Amino acid sequence: MAVDFELALFVTLAVLTGAIGLRFMWISHRPPSLWTVKHSAVDPFVSPSLWIKVYDSSGPFIPMPNHLKTQDEMVAWMTKELPKLTAAPPE
């Protein structure tokens, strides 16, 4: 009778210890959760209207076309087309 009680107690303690151990192993070995990035600077691209205010094409900034890939094409555009765009009156 006493042996059955001791055996049941030790089995219960072993299962409980194993469950707690597995729980701590599962917590410590799971992949970390991704942290959201908090921007410390002001992001000017919150809305499309702000994008227009920052990069207004009628202002002094003239964007380079996206189709220019090589350095020779960019230099040719800057020497031929860019002076035409800067000399033209703003629209």
Protein backbone atom coordinates (compact mmCIF):
# COMPACT_ATOMS: atom_id res chain seq x y z
CA MET A 1 0.00 0.00 0.00
CA ALA A 2 2.74 2.49 0.93
CA VAL A 3 4.73 1.49 -2.14
CA ASP A 4 1.79 2.28 -4.44
CA PHE A 5 1.36 5.71 -2.85
CA GLU A 6 5.08 6.50 -3.12
CA LEU A 7 5.16 5.30 -6.73
CA ALA A 8 2.14 7.43 -7.64
CA LEU A 9 3.67 10.45 -5.88
CA PHE A 10 7.03 10.08 -7.67
CA VAL A 11 5.36 9.55 -11.05
CA THR A 12 3.24 12.66 -10.48
CA LEU A 13 6.31 14.69 -9.48
CA ALA A 14 8.27 13.37 -12.49
CA VAL A 15 5.47 14.29 -14.90
CA LEU A 16 5.10 17.73 -13.33
CA THR A 17 8.86 18.35 -13.44
CA GLY A 18 9.01 17.20 -17.06
CA ALA A 19 6.10 19.41 -18.05
CA ILE A 20 7.66 22.46 -16.40
CA GLY A 21 11.01 21.69 -18.02
CA LEU A 22 9.44 21.28 -21.46
CA ARG A 23 7.51 24.51 -20.98
CA PHE A 24 10.70 26.48 -20.19
CA MET A 25 12.54 24.84 -23.09
CA TRP A 26 9.69 25.75 -25.45
CA ILE A 27 9.66 29.38 -24.28
CA SER A 28 13.43 29.81 -24.58
CA HIS A 29 13.79 28.11 -27.99
CA ARG A 30 10.94 29.59 -29.97
CA PRO A 31 11.85 32.11 -32.67
CA PRO A 32 11.92 35.71 -31.50
CA SER A 33 8.99 37.92 -32.33
CA LEU A 34 9.63 40.65 -34.85
CA TRP A 35 9.90 44.13 -33.40
CA THR A 36 8.23 46.95 -35.21
CA VAL A 37 10.57 49.71 -36.31
CA LYS A 38 9.81 53.03 -34.71
CA HIS A 39 10.94 55.88 -36.89
CA SER A 40 12.84 58.56 -35.06
CA ALA A 41 12.85 61.01 -37.96
CA VAL A 42 9.86 62.55 -39.69
CA ASP A 43 8.89 60.56 -42.75
CA PRO A 44 7.89 62.99 -45.52
CA PHE A 45 6.01 60.30 -47.46
CA VAL A 46 3.04 59.87 -45.16
CA SER A 47 0.59 60.80 -47.87
CA PRO A 48 0.77 61.47 -51.63
CA SER A 49 0.12 65.17 -51.09
CA LEU A 50 3.26 65.44 -48.97
CA TRP A 51 5.23 63.64 -51.68
CA ILE A 52 4.20 66.38 -54.12
CA LYS A 53 5.21 69.06 -51.62
CA VAL A 54 8.63 67.50 -51.11
CA TYR A 55 9.39 66.64 -54.74
CA ASP A 56 7.48 69.23 -56.72
CA SER A 57 8.46 68.89 -60.39
CA SER A 58 7.81 72.57 -61.09
CA GLY A 59 10.30 73.62 -58.40
CA PRO A 60 14.08 73.91 -58.72
CA PHE A 61 14.55 70.12 -58.51
CA ILE A 62 14.48 68.34 -61.87
CA PRO A 63 14.42 64.54 -61.50
CA MET A 64 16.57 62.41 -63.77
CA PRO A 65 14.50 60.08 -65.99
CA ASN A 66 14.34 56.45 -64.96
CA HIS A 67 15.16 55.10 -68.42
CA LEU A 68 18.80 56.27 -68.16
CA LYS A 69 20.89 53.28 -67.09
CA THR A 70 24.52 53.86 -68.08
CA GLN A 71 26.81 56.71 -67.11
CA ASP A 72 27.15 57.79 -70.75
CA GLU A 73 23.37 58.12 -71.10
CA MET A 74 23.19 60.18 -67.90
CA VAL A 75 26.00 62.51 -68.99
CA ALA A 76 24.41 62.94 -72.42
CA TRP A 77 21.05 63.78 -70.80
CA MET A 78 22.69 66.27 -68.42
CA THR A 79 24.56 68.03 -71.25
CA LYS A 80 21.76 68.07 -73.84
CA GLU A 81 18.34 67.90 -72.17
CA LEU A 82 18.94 69.41 -68.75
CA PRO A 83 19.93 72.88 -70.04
CA LYS A 84 16.72 72.94 -72.09
CA LEU A 85 14.65 72.14 -69.02
CA THR A 86 16.36 74.76 -66.86
CA ALA A 87 16.10 77.47 -69.54
CA ALA A 88 12.38 76.85 -70.13
CA PRO A 89 10.03 79.02 -68.06
CA PRO A 90 8.22 77.11 -65.31
CA GLU A 91 4.78 75.86 -66.25
